[in-house]
């Protein structure tokens, strides 16, 4: 399919959240091509994170692209952005056509296998503003994206498909946390791009 006209959009009717999911945002052929390029062209890095006073290697590889002078910080890590590349610009512009937003930054995550993960968190850093829109594109092996409400007994699992787009907006980051848990399944790599706007 052409991502200009997504054929299927799934809207999740969750309390305190606005979440849309396009399972086939990029065709399988285009997604395969983009995955290969992302694996080979991105300057991946592995930072250390501090948890309860102990430093550990982050359980995934990352990269940041964005507008000059717009660093992004989370979990005591401050990343400086690489200049936009033609590959990232292409994906960015396709996403922007659906979101009707102009993103300033994208954080990329490379999950090398099922043991790479991302723990419970919200994308609620102050530089993202009050009700940030987060647009997340996935390539590679499917992973389960888990959400849970901060106060209510509400949970939601979404299987993020190869070439899919997930959009979180409104008050989602105020009331919900999300994660990519580890899995014992033998799976191949997954690359995720989360586009955001730094105020």
Protein backbone atom coordinates (compact mmCIF):
# COMPACT_ATOMS: atom_id res chain seq x y z
CA UNK A 1 0.00 0.00 0.00
CA UNK A 2 0.99 3.63 -0.31
CA UNK A 3 1.51 5.23 3.10
CA UNK A 4 -0.10 8.40 1.76
CA UNK A 5 -3.42 6.58 1.92
CA UNK A 6 -3.34 4.02 4.74
CA UNK A 7 -6.04 1.44 4.05
CA UNK A 8 -6.55 0.42 7.65
CA UNK A 9 -6.55 2.50 10.81
CA UNK A 10 -7.31 1.01 14.20
CA UNK A 11 -8.41 3.44 16.91
CA UNK A 12 -8.08 2.20 20.49
CA UNK A 13 -10.86 3.51 22.71
CA UNK A 14 -8.89 3.77 25.94
CA UNK A 15 -9.62 6.00 28.94
CA UNK A 16 -7.34 9.07 29.00
CA UNK A 17 -5.58 8.08 25.77
CA UNK A 18 -5.67 8.76 22.02
CA UNK A 19 -3.97 5.94 20.15
CA UNK A 20 -4.14 5.13 16.44
CA UNK A 21 -2.51 2.18 14.72
CA UNK A 22 -1.79 1.63 11.03
CA UNK A 23 -0.62 -2.01 10.71
CA UNK A 24 0.38 -1.73 7.03
CA UNK A 25 1.67 1.83 6.85
CA UNK A 26 4.51 0.72 4.56
CA UNK A 27 4.13 -2.18 2.15
CA UNK A 28 6.16 -5.29 2.99
CA UNK A 29 8.47 -4.65 0.03
CA UNK A 30 9.14 -1.05 1.07
CA UNK A 31 9.47 -2.01 4.73
CA UNK A 32 12.06 -4.67 3.84
CA UNK A 33 14.07 -2.10 1.90
CA UNK A 34 13.92 0.48 4.70
CA UNK A 35 14.86 -2.09 7.36
CA UNK A 36 18.00 -3.08 5.47
CA UNK A 37 19.04 0.53 4.96
CA UNK A 38 18.41 1.42 8.61
CA UNK A 39 20.50 -1.53 9.79
CA UNK A 40 23.43 -0.52 7.59
CA UNK A 41 23.33 3.28 7.50
CA UNK A 42 22.49 4.36 11.06
CA UNK A 43 25.40 5.15 13.47
CA UNK A 44 24.10 2.96 16.27
CA UNK A 45 25.40 3.42 19.83
CA UNK A 46 24.93 1.75 23.20
CA UNK A 47 24.77 4.05 26.21
CA UNK A 48 24.91 3.20 29.89
CA UNK A 49 21.94 3.85 32.13
CA UNK A 50 21.94 4.16 35.91
CA UNK A 51 19.33 2.19 37.83
CA UNK A 52 19.27 2.32 41.64
CA UNK A 53 22.80 3.69 41.65
CA UNK A 54 24.25 1.00 39.39
CA UNK A 55 25.35 1.53 35.79
CA UNK A 56 24.25 -0.94 33.13
CA UNK A 57 24.55 -1.13 29.35
CA UNK A 58 21.23 -0.12 27.85
CA UNK A 59 19.50 -3.28 26.54
CA UNK A 60 19.25 -2.00 22.97
CA UNK A 61 21.13 0.25 20.55
CA UNK A 62 20.01 3.81 19.86
CA UNK A 63 20.54 6.82 17.61
CA UNK A 64 19.10 10.33 17.53
CA UNK A 65 18.43 12.51 14.50
CA UNK A 66 16.97 15.98 14.58
CA UNK A 67 17.21 19.71 14.19
CA UNK A 68 20.52 21.25 15.18
CA UNK A 69 20.76 22.31 18.82
CA UNK A 70 17.89 20.05 19.93
CA UNK A 71 19.40 17.40 22.25
CA UNK A 72 17.09 14.88 23.88
CA UNK A 73 17.47 13.53 27.39
CA UNK A 74 15.92 10.54 29.18
CA UNK A 75 16.99 8.24 32.03
CA UNK A 76 20.01 10.48 32.76
CA UNK A 77 21.18 10.13 29.15
CA UNK A 78 21.53 13.24 26.98
CA UNK A 79 21.82 12.50 23.27
CA UNK A 80 23.02 14.96 20.66
CA UNK A 81 21.24 14.65 17.30
CA UNK A 82 22.84 13.64 14.02
CA UNK A 83 21.88 15.75 11.01
CA UNK A 84 18.83 14.53 9.13
CA UNK A 85 19.77 11.97 6.48
CA UNK A 86 17.83 11.38 3.23
CA UNK A 87 16.67 8.00 4.58
CA UNK A 88 15.28 9.45 7.82
CA UNK A 89 13.77 12.44 6.02
CA UNK A 90 11.84 10.10 3.70
CA UNK A 91 10.28 8.18 6.62
CA UNK A 92 9.68 11.42 8.53
CA UNK A 93 7.80 13.07 5.67
CA UNK A 94 5.60 10.01 5.13
CA UNK A 95 4.64 10.02 8.82
CA UNK A 96 4.02 13.78 8.83
CA UNK A 97 1.46 13.44 6.02
CA UNK A 98 -0.74 11.36 8.31
CA UNK A 99 -0.05 13.23 11.56
CA UNK A 100 -0.28 16.75 10.11
CA UNK A 101 2.69 17.70 12.29
CA UNK A 102 6.30 18.70 11.68
CA UNK A 103 8.59 16.63 13.86
CA UNK A 104 11.89 18.04 15.13
CA UNK A 105 13.47 14.85 16.43
CA UNK A 106 13.46 11.09 16.04
CA UNK A 107 14.83 8.54 18.50
CA UNK A 108 15.74 5.20 16.91
CA UNK A 109 15.94 1.92 18.83
CA UNK A 110 17.51 -1.29 17.54
CA UNK A 111 16.32 -4.37 19.40
CA UNK A 112 18.86 -6.99 18.33
CA UNK A 113 16.91 -9.99 19.61
CA UNK A 114 14.25 -10.92 22.14
CA UNK A 115 16.49 -10.07 25.09
CA UNK A 116 16.72 -6.41 24.11
CA UNK A 117 13.92 -4.42 25.71
CA UNK A 118 12.59 -1.06 26.92
CA UNK A 119 11.13 -0.86 30.43
CA UNK A 120 8.02 0.90 31.67
CA UNK A 121 8.12 4.62 30.95
CA UNK A 122 6.17 7.56 29.52
CA UNK A 123 7.43 9.99 26.90
CA UNK A 124 6.69 12.92 29.18
CA UNK A 125 9.97 14.83 29.31
CA UNK A 126 9.34 18.54 29.80
CA UNK A 127 10.92 19.48 26.46
CA UNK A 128 8.14 17.56 24.67
CA UNK A 129 5.42 19.89 25.98
CA UNK A 130 2.14 19.20 27.73
CA UNK A 131 0.35 16.78 25.37
CA UNK A 132 3.04 15.45 23.04
CA UNK A 133 2.31 13.52 19.88
CA UNK A 134 4.58 10.50 19.47
CA UNK A 135 4.60 8.71 16.11
CA UNK A 136 6.30 5.31 16.19
CA UNK A 137 7.28 3.35 13.07
CA UNK A 138 8.39 -0.29 13.37
CA UNK A 139 10.45 -2.46 11.05
CA UNK A 140 11.59 -6.06 11.44
CA UNK A 141 10.38 -8.73 13.85
CA UNK A 142 7.05 -8.18 15.55
CA UNK A 143 7.21 -7.17 19.22
CA UNK A 144 4.46 -6.71 21.79
CA UNK A 145 3.92 -3.10 22.84
CA UNK A 146 2.38 -3.05 26.30
CA UNK A 147 0.50 -0.17 27.90
CA UNK A 148 -0.84 0.27 31.42
CA UNK A 149 -2.77 3.09 33.06
CA UNK A 150 -1.06 4.86 35.96
CA UNK A 151 -4.07 4.73 38.30
CA UNK A 152 -6.72 2.43 36.84
CA UNK A 153 -6.55 -1.32 36.29
CA UNK A 154 -6.34 -0.87 32.53
CA UNK A 155 -3.91 -2.57 30.18
CA UNK A 156 -3.53 -2.90 26.42
CA UNK A 157 -1.21 -5.00 24.29
CA UNK A 158 -0.52 -4.12 20.66
CA UNK A 159 1.56 -6.32 18.34
CA UNK A 160 3.67 -3.93 16.31
CA UNK A 161 3.96 -5.31 12.80
CA UNK A 162 6.72 -4.85 10.24
CA UNK A 163 6.09 -1.52 8.49
CA UNK A 164 3.45 -0.32 10.97
CA UNK A 165 2.79 3.13 12.43
CA UNK A 166 1.54 3.79 15.98
CA UNK A 167 0.45 7.29 17.01
CA UNK A 168 0.01 8.34 20.64
CA UNK A 169 -1.37 11.80 21.37
CA UNK A 170 -3.59 13.83 23.67
CA UNK A 171 -3.17 12.95 27.36
CA UNK A 172 -1.74 9.47 26.70
CA UNK A 173 1.70 10.23 28.18
CA UNK A 174 0.16 11.74 31.34
CA UNK A 175 -1.95 8.72 32.22
CA UNK A 176 -0.28 5.73 30.58
CA UNK A 177 3.13 4.04 30.59
CA UNK A 178 4.40 1.70 27.89
CA UNK A 179 7.16 -0.85 27.37
CA UNK A 180 8.68 -3.42 25.03
CA UNK A 181 9.26 -6.46 27.28
CA UNK A 182 11.84 -9.16 26.79
CA UNK A 183 10.73 -12.36 25.10
CA UNK A 184 12.18 -15.86 25.16
CA UNK A 185 11.14 -16.37 21.55
CA UNK A 186 14.00 -16.58 19.08
CA UNK A 187 13.34 -13.55 16.91
CA UNK A 188 15.30 -11.36 14.56
CA UNK A 189 16.07 -7.66 14.96
CA UNK A 190 13.48 -4.91 15.19
CA UNK A 191 14.06 -1.21 14.52
CA UNK A 192 11.71 1.43 15.90
CA UNK A 193 11.66 5.14 15.07
CA UNK A 194 9.78 7.42 17.47
CA UNK A 195 9.18 10.87 16.03
CA UNK A 196 8.52 13.74 18.44
CA UNK A 197 8.50 17.52 18.72
CA UNK A 198 10.93 19.20 21.10
CA UNK A 199 9.58 22.58 22.16
